[in-house]
Amino acid sequence: MTTERIGPPLTAGERETLRAFLDYHRATLAMKCDGLGDEELRRRSMPPSTLTLLGLVRHMAEVERAWFRRVINGEDIPLVWSDEGDFQVAYDASTSTRAEAFDAWQAEVEHSRRIEREAESLDVTGYQKSWGEKVSLRLVMLHLIHEYARHNGHADFLREGVDGTVGA
């Protein structure tokens, strides 16, 4: 599988730009996993870290679900891998498969895209329980861009450790 990654527009409105940057970072994570099987995706970076590419994909499924479905859409649903709300559980991909993790992640991305498309504006708000505050869709999109960018940096190092592949 080869992931197509489209760069964000150089001139566009705020919403289109945010949407494009978020999709760019989503595609970057998928690209870092291209061509790898379950064992390679579960390979740990270095002791004592248990971080893996598959764990990052699972974590980002939780992040998408939490911010778009639970916060912005107000859905009362558990996390994908933890009924107790423990985001750390997603990082343990020791028994997970590529299909399981990517299916869950892609399903959450599609929910997120639908919620964003259906929102009247970036000023739509949801309630972030742990902060005890309302947050805008704009903040959520920026937060996810930040979250993906940070974890894509981790994915760069993880991929290099698996097979030496480096680059964009």
C-alpha atoms as a PDB file:
ATOM      1  CA  MET A   1       0.000   0.000   0.000  1.00  0.00           C
ATOM      2  CA  THR A   2       1.320   3.413  -0.897  1.00  0.00           C
ATOM      3  CA  THR A   3      -0.188   6.384   0.854  1.00  0.00           C
ATOM      4  CA  GLU A   4      -0.918   9.483  -1.182  1.00  0.00           C
ATOM      5  CA  ARG A   5      -0.022  12.641   0.705  1.00  0.00           C
ATOM      6  CA  ILE A   6      -1.173  15.987  -0.658  1.00  0.00           C
ATOM      7  CA  GLY A   7       0.495  19.148   0.583  1.00  0.00           C
ATOM      8  CA  PRO A   8      -1.687  21.877   2.064  1.00  0.00           C
ATOM      9  CA  PRO A   9      -2.694  24.770  -0.218  1.00  0.00           C
ATOM     10  CA  LEU A  10      -0.449  27.802  -0.254  1.00  0.00           C
ATOM     11  CA  THR A  11      -3.406  30.175  -0.342  1.00  0.00           C
ATOM     12  CA  ALA A  12      -6.762  29.181   1.125  1.00  0.00           C
ATOM     13  CA  GLY A  13      -9.235  30.109   3.796  1.00  0.00           C
ATOM     14  CA  GLU A  14      -8.742  29.172   7.430  1.00  0.00           C
ATOM     15  CA  ARG A  15     -10.972  26.102   7.463  1.00  0.00           C
ATOM     16  CA  GLU A  16      -9.621  24.672   4.219  1.00  0.00           C
ATOM     17  CA  THR A  17      -6.060  25.208   5.461  1.00  0.00           C
ATOM     18  CA  LEU A  18      -6.696  23.543   8.825  1.00  0.00           C
ATOM     19  CA  ARG A  19      -8.457  20.630   7.139  1.00  0.00           C
ATOM     20  CA  ALA A  20      -5.603  20.196   4.640  1.00  0.00           C
ATOM     21  CA  PHE A  21      -2.857  20.328   7.297  1.00  0.00           C
ATOM     22  CA  LEU A  22      -4.701  17.782   9.430  1.00  0.00           C
ATOM     23  CA  ASP A  23      -5.133  15.444   6.453  1.00  0.00           C
ATOM     24  CA  TYR A  24      -1.475  15.948   5.518  1.00  0.00           C
ATOM     25  CA  HIS A  25      -0.389  14.807   8.972  1.00  0.00           C
ATOM     26  CA  ARG A  26      -2.821  11.882   8.939  1.00  0.00           C
ATOM     27  CA  ALA A  27      -1.328  10.781   5.622  1.00  0.00           C
ATOM     28  CA  THR A  28       2.186  11.190   7.012  1.00  0.00           C
ATOM     29  CA  LEU A  29       1.471   8.718   9.816  1.00  0.00           C
ATOM     30  CA  ALA A  30       0.048   6.218   7.329  1.00  0.00           C
ATOM     31  CA  MET A  31       3.038   6.760   5.025  1.00  0.00           C
ATOM     32  CA  LYS A  32       5.461   5.972   7.867  1.00  0.00           C
ATOM     33  CA  CYS A  33       3.749   2.583   8.185  1.00  0.00           C
ATOM     34  CA  ASP A  34       3.576   1.774   4.450  1.00  0.00           C
ATOM     35  CA  GLY A  35       5.014  -1.584   3.457  1.00  0.00           C
ATOM     36  CA  LEU A  36       5.408  -2.924   6.992  1.00  0.00           C
ATOM     37  CA  GLY A  37       3.820  -6.059   8.415  1.00  0.00           C
ATOM     38  CA  ASP A  38       2.451  -6.682  11.887  1.00  0.00           C
ATOM     39  CA  GLU A  39       5.779  -7.672  13.443  1.00  0.00           C
ATOM     40  CA  GLU A  40       7.603  -4.653  12.052  1.00  0.00           C
ATOM     41  CA  LEU A  41       4.809  -2.310  13.157  1.00  0.00           C
ATOM     42  CA  ARG A  42       5.027  -3.784  16.678  1.00  0.00           C
ATOM     43  CA  ARG A  43       8.824  -3.360  16.875  1.00  0.00           C
ATOM     44  CA  ARG A  44       9.818  -1.228  19.859  1.00  0.00           C
ATOM     45  CA  SER A  45      12.103   1.752  19.521  1.00  0.00           C
ATOM     46  CA  MET A  46      14.639   1.097  22.273  1.00  0.00           C
ATOM     47  CA  PRO A  47      14.525   0.009  25.922  1.00  0.00           C
ATOM     48  CA  PRO A  48      12.880   1.025  28.133  1.00  0.00           C
ATOM     49  CA  SER A  49      10.407   2.553  25.667  1.00  0.00           C
ATOM     50  CA  THR A  50       7.522   0.388  24.497  1.00  0.00           C
ATOM     51  CA  LEU A  51       6.578   2.835  21.726  1.00  0.00           C
ATOM     52  CA  THR A  52       5.763   1.280  18.343  1.00  0.00           C
ATOM     53  CA  LEU A  53       4.343   2.482  15.048  1.00  0.00           C
ATOM     54  CA  LEU A  54       1.230   0.383  15.629  1.00  0.00           C
ATOM     55  CA  GLY A  55       0.877   1.884  19.105  1.00  0.00           C
ATOM     56  CA  LEU A  56       0.980   5.367  17.570  1.00  0.00           C
ATOM     57  CA  VAL A  57      -1.783   4.464  15.110  1.00  0.00           C
ATOM     58  CA  ARG A  58      -3.910   3.083  17.962  1.00  0.00           C
ATOM     59  CA  HIS A  59      -3.225   6.179  20.065  1.00  0.00           C
ATOM     60  CA  MET A  60      -4.248   8.507  17.257  1.00  0.00           C
ATOM     61  CA  ALA A  61      -7.509   6.567  16.847  1.00  0.00           C
ATOM     62  CA  GLU A  62      -8.200   7.383  20.505  1.00  0.00           C
ATOM     63  CA  VAL A  63      -7.235  11.033  20.032  1.00  0.00           C
ATOM     64  CA  GLU A  64      -9.530  11.430  17.005  1.00  0.00           C
ATOM     65  CA  ARG A  65     -12.383   9.725  18.881  1.00  0.00           C
ATOM     66  CA  ALA A  66     -11.929  11.741  22.058  1.00  0.00           C
ATOM     67  CA  TRP A  67     -11.646  15.200  20.516  1.00  0.00           C
ATOM     68  CA  PHE A  68     -14.135  14.991  17.675  1.00  0.00           C
ATOM     69  CA  ARG A  69     -16.751  12.507  18.853  1.00  0.00           C
ATOM     70  CA  ARG A  70     -16.644  12.951  22.615  1.00  0.00           C
ATOM     71  CA  VAL A  71     -15.755  16.651  22.892  1.00  0.00           C
ATOM     72  CA  ILE A  72     -17.193  18.348  19.790  1.00  0.00           C
ATOM     73  CA  ASN A  73     -20.073  15.947  19.088  1.00  0.00           C
ATOM     74  CA  GLY A  74     -20.848  15.265  22.762  1.00  0.00           C
ATOM     75  CA  GLU A  75     -21.055  11.487  22.263  1.00  0.00           C
ATOM     76  CA  ASP A  76     -21.020   9.443  25.482  1.00  0.00           C
ATOM     77  CA  ILE A  77     -18.797   6.630  24.232  1.00  0.00           C
ATOM     78  CA  PRO A  78     -15.760   4.878  25.709  1.00  0.00           C
ATOM     79  CA  LEU A  79     -12.330   4.976  24.149  1.00  0.00           C
ATOM     80  CA  VAL A  80     -11.601   2.305  21.553  1.00  0.00           C
ATOM     81  CA  TRP A  81      -9.208   0.265  23.710  1.00  0.00           C
ATOM     82  CA  SER A  82     -10.057   1.352  27.259  1.00  0.00           C
ATOM     83  CA  ASP A  83     -13.451   1.491  28.932  1.00  0.00           C
ATOM     84  CA  GLU A  84     -11.740   3.301  31.834  1.00  0.00           C
ATOM     85  CA  GLY A  85     -10.560   6.211  29.684  1.00  0.00           C
ATOM     86  CA  ASP A  86      -6.857   5.326  29.912  1.00  0.00           C
ATOM     87  CA  PHE A  87      -5.190   6.648  26.745  1.00  0.00           C
ATOM     88  CA  GLN A  88      -1.985   4.733  27.579  1.00  0.00           C
ATOM     89  CA  VAL A  89      -3.672   1.380  26.859  1.00  0.00           C
ATOM     90  CA  ALA A  90      -3.641   2.187  23.135  1.00  0.00           C
ATOM     91  CA  TYR A  91       0.159   2.274  23.079  1.00  0.00           C
ATOM     92  CA  ASP A  92       0.317  -1.434  23.970  1.00  0.00           C
ATOM     93  CA  ALA A  93       0.045  -2.958  20.520  1.00  0.00           C
ATOM     94  CA  SER A  94       1.795  -6.213  21.466  1.00  0.00           C
ATOM     95  CA  THR A  95      -1.154  -8.352  20.345  1.00  0.00           C
ATOM     96  CA  SER A  96      -2.674  -5.941  17.836  1.00  0.00           C
ATOM     97  CA  THR A  97      -2.607  -6.325  14.078  1.00  0.00           C
ATOM     98  CA  ARG A  98      -2.200  -3.783  11.328  1.00  0.00           C
ATOM     99  CA  ALA A  99      -5.748  -4.478  10.147  1.00  0.00           C
ATOM    100  CA  GLU A 100      -7.262  -3.973  13.608  1.00  0.00           C
ATOM    101  CA  ALA A 101      -5.375  -0.760  14.353  1.00  0.00           C
ATOM    102  CA  PHE A 102      -5.772   0.813  10.916  1.00  0.00           C
ATOM    103  CA  ASP A 103      -9.451  -0.133  10.653  1.00  0.00           C
ATOM    104  CA  ALA A 104     -10.149   1.558  14.000  1.00  0.00           C
ATOM    105  CA  TRP A 105      -8.023   4.607  13.140  1.00  0.00           C
ATOM    106  CA  GLN A 106      -9.551   5.057   9.685  1.00  0.00           C
ATOM    107  CA  ALA A 107     -13.071   4.699  11.095  1.00  0.00           C
ATOM    108  CA  GLU A 108     -12.351   7.430  13.658  1.00  0.00           C
ATOM    109  CA  VAL A 109     -10.795   9.682  11.008  1.00  0.00           C
ATOM    110  CA  GLU A 110     -13.952   9.330   8.907  1.00  0.00           C
ATOM    111  CA  HIS A 111     -16.124  10.229  11.926  1.00  0.00           C
ATOM    112  CA  SER A 112     -13.900  13.255  12.550  1.00  0.00           C
ATOM    113  CA  ARG A 113     -14.114  14.398   8.944  1.00  0.00           C
ATOM    114  CA  ARG A 114     -17.912  14.078   8.983  1.00  0.00           C
ATOM    115  CA  ILE A 115     -18.222  16.024  12.245  1.00  0.00           C
ATOM    116  CA  GLU A 116     -15.960  18.792  10.927  1.00  0.00           C
ATOM    117  CA  ARG A 117     -17.805  18.995   7.572  1.00  0.00           C
ATOM    118  CA  GLU A 118     -21.198  19.183   9.267  1.00  0.00           C
ATOM    119  CA  ALA A 119     -20.159  21.890  11.741  1.00  0.00           C
ATOM    120  CA  GLU A 120     -21.484  25.346  10.843  1.00  0.00           C
ATOM    121  CA  SER A 121     -18.164  27.000  11.541  1.00  0.00           C
ATOM    122  CA  LEU A 122     -14.861  26.673  13.368  1.00  0.00           C
ATOM    123  CA  ASP A 123     -16.527  28.508  16.261  1.00  0.00           C
ATOM    124  CA  VAL A 124     -18.728  25.507  17.113  1.00  0.00           C
ATOM    125  CA  THR A 125     -17.892  24.419  20.662  1.00  0.00           C
ATOM    126  CA  GLY A 126     -17.862  21.250  22.673  1.00  0.00           C
ATOM    127  CA  TYR A 127     -17.087  20.539  26.294  1.00  0.00           C
ATOM    128  CA  GLN A 128     -13.670  19.218  27.279  1.00  0.00           C
ATOM    129  CA  LYS A 129     -14.425  17.464  30.593  1.00  0.00           C
ATOM    130  CA  SER A 130     -10.898  17.148  31.966  1.00  0.00           C
ATOM    131  CA  TRP A 131     -10.302  20.878  31.404  1.00  0.00           C
ATOM    132  CA  GLY A 132     -13.788  21.807  32.585  1.00  0.00           C
ATOM    133  CA  GLU A 133     -14.024  24.217  29.642  1.00  0.00           C
ATOM    134  CA  LYS A 134     -15.756  24.727  26.330  1.00  0.00           C
ATOM    135  CA  VAL A 135     -13.425  24.447  23.342  1.00  0.00           C
ATOM    136  CA  SER A 136     -13.917  25.418  19.710  1.00  0.00           C
ATOM    137  CA  LEU A 137     -13.643  23.184  16.672  1.00  0.00           C
ATOM    138  CA  ARG A 138     -10.782  25.475  15.625  1.00  0.00           C
ATOM    139  CA  LEU A 139      -8.842  24.584  18.798  1.00  0.00           C
ATOM    140  CA  VAL A 140      -9.575  20.880  18.312  1.00  0.00           C
ATOM    141  CA  MET A 141      -8.260  20.917  14.754  1.00  0.00           C
ATOM    142  CA  LEU A 142      -5.142  22.819  15.801  1.00  0.00           C
ATOM    143  CA  HIS A 143      -4.638  20.448  18.727  1.00  0.00           C
ATOM    144  CA  LEU A 144      -4.834  17.423  16.439  1.00  0.00           C
ATOM    145  CA  ILE A 145      -2.385  18.980  13.974  1.00  0.00           C
ATOM    146  CA  HIS A 146       0.002  19.465  16.900  1.00  0.00           C
ATOM    147  CA  GLU A 147      -0.594  15.919  18.182  1.00  0.00           C
ATOM    148  CA  TYR A 148       0.015  14.345  14.775  1.00  0.00           C
ATOM    149  CA  ALA A 149       3.102  16.478  14.110  1.00  0.00           C
ATOM    150  CA  ARG A 150       4.624  15.464  17.442  1.00  0.00           C
ATOM    151  CA  HIS A 151       3.882  11.774  16.958  1.00  0.00           C
ATOM    152  CA  ASN A 152       4.985  11.830  13.327  1.00  0.00           C
ATOM    153  CA  GLY A 153       8.391  12.854  14.641  1.00  0.00           C
ATOM    154  CA  HIS A 154       8.333   9.727  16.796  1.00  0.00           C
ATOM    155  CA  ALA A 155       7.226   7.732  13.753  1.00  0.00           C
ATOM    156  CA  ASP A 156      10.265   9.006  11.808  1.00  0.00           C
ATOM    157  CA  PHE A 157      12.628   7.483  14.365  1.00  0.00           C
ATOM    158  CA  LEU A 158      10.593   4.296  14.749  1.00  0.00           C
ATOM    159  CA  ARG A 159      10.538   3.695  10.988  1.00  0.00           C
ATOM    160  CA  GLU A 160      14.266   4.329  10.691  1.00  0.00           C
ATOM    161  CA  GLY A 161      14.837   1.758  13.435  1.00  0.00           C
ATOM    162  CA  VAL A 162      12.718  -0.833  11.632  1.00  0.00           C
ATOM    163  CA  ASP A 163      14.279  -0.732   8.162  1.00  0.00           C
ATOM    164  CA  GLY A 164      16.442   2.370   7.805  1.00  0.00           C
ATOM    165  CA  THR A 165      13.809   4.329   5.842  1.00  0.00           C
ATOM    166  CA  VAL A 166      14.125   8.064   6.459  1.00  0.00           C
ATOM    167  CA  GLY A 167      12.618  11.168   4.943  1.00  0.00           C
ATOM    168  CA  ALA A 168       9.462  13.191   4.636  1.00  0.00           C
END
